[in-house]
N, C-alpha and C. Protein backbone atom coordinates (compact mmCIF):
# COMPACT_ATOMS: atom_id res chain seq x y z
N MET A 1 9.98 -7.79 3.20
CA MET A 1 10.49 -6.44 3.31
C MET A 1 9.37 -5.41 3.36
N ALA A 2 8.23 -5.77 2.81
CA ALA A 2 7.13 -4.80 2.81
C ALA A 2 6.43 -4.79 4.16
N GLU A 3 5.98 -3.63 4.55
CA GLU A 3 5.25 -3.48 5.80
C GLU A 3 3.80 -3.17 5.46
N LEU A 4 2.89 -3.65 6.30
CA LEU A 4 1.48 -3.34 6.09
C LEU A 4 1.22 -1.91 6.50
N VAL A 5 0.59 -1.16 5.64
CA VAL A 5 0.23 0.23 5.93
C VAL A 5 -1.29 0.29 5.98
N GLY A 6 -1.85 0.65 7.11
CA GLY A 6 -3.30 0.69 7.25
C GLY A 6 -3.83 -0.65 7.74
N THR A 7 -4.96 -1.07 7.21
CA THR A 7 -5.61 -2.29 7.68
C THR A 7 -5.81 -3.26 6.53
N ASN A 8 -5.84 -4.52 6.84
CA ASN A 8 -6.09 -5.56 5.84
C ASN A 8 -7.24 -6.43 6.31
N ASP A 9 -8.32 -5.81 6.80
CA ASP A 9 -9.49 -6.52 7.31
C ASP A 9 -10.51 -6.65 6.19
N ARG A 10 -10.50 -7.76 5.48
CA ARG A 10 -11.40 -7.95 4.35
C ARG A 10 -12.86 -8.04 4.77
N ALA A 11 -13.14 -8.23 6.06
CA ALA A 11 -14.52 -8.27 6.56
C ALA A 11 -15.10 -6.87 6.73
N ASP A 12 -14.27 -5.85 6.71
CA ASP A 12 -14.72 -4.46 6.87
C ASP A 12 -15.32 -3.99 5.54
N HIS A 13 -16.64 -3.90 5.46
CA HIS A 13 -17.31 -3.56 4.20
C HIS A 13 -17.17 -2.09 3.82
N LYS A 14 -16.68 -1.25 4.71
CA LYS A 14 -16.42 0.16 4.37
C LYS A 14 -15.12 0.28 3.58
N MET A 15 -14.26 -0.73 3.69
CA MET A 15 -12.97 -0.71 3.03
C MET A 15 -13.12 -1.26 1.61
N HIS A 16 -12.60 -0.55 0.62
CA HIS A 16 -12.68 -0.98 -0.77
C HIS A 16 -11.45 -1.76 -1.21
N GLY A 17 -10.36 -1.57 -0.52
CA GLY A 17 -9.13 -2.24 -0.90
C GLY A 17 -8.11 -2.14 0.21
N TYR A 18 -6.93 -2.66 -0.05
CA TYR A 18 -5.87 -2.57 0.94
C TYR A 18 -4.56 -2.20 0.27
N ILE A 19 -3.67 -1.69 1.07
CA ILE A 19 -2.40 -1.16 0.59
C ILE A 19 -1.27 -1.82 1.37
N ASP A 20 -0.27 -2.29 0.65
CA ASP A 20 0.94 -2.83 1.24
C ASP A 20 2.10 -2.02 0.70
N GLY A 21 3.03 -1.67 1.55
CA GLY A 21 4.16 -0.91 1.07
C GLY A 21 5.20 -0.71 2.14
N GLY A 22 6.22 0.00 1.79
CA GLY A 22 7.29 0.26 2.73
C GLY A 22 8.01 1.54 2.40
N PHE A 23 8.76 2.02 3.37
CA PHE A 23 9.58 3.21 3.21
C PHE A 23 11.04 2.76 3.15
N TYR A 24 11.78 3.32 2.22
CA TYR A 24 13.16 2.91 1.99
C TYR A 24 14.06 4.13 1.93
N GLY A 25 15.33 3.90 1.86
CA GLY A 25 16.31 4.98 1.81
C GLY A 25 16.85 5.29 3.18
N LYS A 26 17.85 6.14 3.22
CA LYS A 26 18.51 6.49 4.48
C LYS A 26 17.53 7.06 5.50
N ASP A 27 16.63 7.95 5.05
CA ASP A 27 15.68 8.61 5.94
C ASP A 27 14.23 8.29 5.60
N GLY A 28 13.99 7.17 4.93
CA GLY A 28 12.63 6.82 4.54
C GLY A 28 12.05 7.73 3.48
N GLU A 29 12.91 8.25 2.62
CA GLU A 29 12.46 9.24 1.64
C GLU A 29 11.84 8.62 0.38
N ILE A 30 11.86 7.31 0.27
CA ILE A 30 11.27 6.64 -0.89
C ILE A 30 10.19 5.69 -0.38
N VAL A 31 9.04 5.67 -1.05
CA VAL A 31 7.95 4.77 -0.69
C VAL A 31 7.56 3.97 -1.94
N ALA A 32 7.25 2.70 -1.75
CA ALA A 32 6.82 1.85 -2.86
C ALA A 32 5.92 0.76 -2.31
N GLY A 33 4.99 0.31 -3.14
CA GLY A 33 4.10 -0.75 -2.70
C GLY A 33 3.03 -1.07 -3.72
N SER A 34 1.98 -1.76 -3.26
CA SER A 34 0.91 -2.16 -4.15
C SER A 34 -0.45 -1.91 -3.50
N ILE A 35 -1.46 -1.80 -4.34
CA ILE A 35 -2.84 -1.58 -3.91
C ILE A 35 -3.69 -2.65 -4.58
N ARG A 36 -4.59 -3.28 -3.82
CA ARG A 36 -5.45 -4.33 -4.37
C ARG A 36 -6.87 -4.17 -3.86
N SER A 37 -7.83 -4.67 -4.63
CA SER A 37 -9.23 -4.63 -4.20
C SER A 37 -9.47 -5.62 -3.07
N ARG A 38 -10.46 -5.34 -2.26
CA ARG A 38 -10.74 -6.16 -1.09
C ARG A 38 -11.27 -7.53 -1.48
N ASP A 39 -12.19 -7.60 -2.42
CA ASP A 39 -12.93 -8.83 -2.66
C ASP A 39 -12.19 -9.86 -3.50
N ASP A 40 -11.73 -9.46 -4.66
CA ASP A 40 -11.26 -10.48 -5.61
C ASP A 40 -10.01 -10.06 -6.39
N ASP A 41 -9.32 -9.06 -5.94
CA ASP A 41 -8.14 -8.56 -6.65
C ASP A 41 -8.46 -8.19 -8.10
N SER A 42 -9.71 -7.73 -8.36
CA SER A 42 -10.10 -7.37 -9.73
C SER A 42 -9.49 -6.06 -10.18
N TRP A 43 -8.99 -5.26 -9.27
CA TRP A 43 -8.29 -4.04 -9.64
C TRP A 43 -7.12 -3.86 -8.68
N GLY A 44 -6.20 -3.06 -9.08
CA GLY A 44 -5.03 -2.81 -8.24
C GLY A 44 -3.91 -2.21 -9.05
N GLY A 45 -2.80 -2.06 -8.42
CA GLY A 45 -1.66 -1.50 -9.10
C GLY A 45 -0.51 -1.30 -8.14
N VAL A 46 0.50 -0.65 -8.62
CA VAL A 46 1.68 -0.36 -7.81
C VAL A 46 1.82 1.15 -7.68
N PHE A 47 2.54 1.59 -6.68
CA PHE A 47 2.78 3.01 -6.50
C PHE A 47 4.20 3.22 -6.01
N GLY A 48 4.67 4.42 -6.21
CA GLY A 48 5.99 4.80 -5.73
C GLY A 48 6.07 6.30 -5.62
N GLY A 49 6.92 6.76 -4.77
CA GLY A 49 7.09 8.19 -4.59
C GLY A 49 8.42 8.50 -3.94
N GLU A 50 8.83 9.74 -4.07
CA GLU A 50 10.09 10.18 -3.50
C GLU A 50 9.88 11.54 -2.86
N LYS A 51 10.50 11.77 -1.74
CA LYS A 51 10.40 13.04 -1.01
C LYS A 51 10.87 14.19 -1.91
N GLN A 52 10.07 15.25 -1.93
CA GLN A 52 10.41 16.43 -2.72
C GLN A 52 11.03 17.48 -1.82
N GLU A 53 12.07 18.10 -2.28
CA GLU A 53 12.78 19.15 -1.52
C GLU A 53 12.13 20.49 -1.75
């Protein structure tokens, strides 16, 4: 269900990490996903947000 947002090229040394996530809801008003480090998954986390009116 998750879509790749951005790039997941671990060979790109300018990139520090990658982001996976998706947009949900009737109009894509909710976003959720995860963030991980490029090399060894030594850092990361989850994120979420909702459209503000």
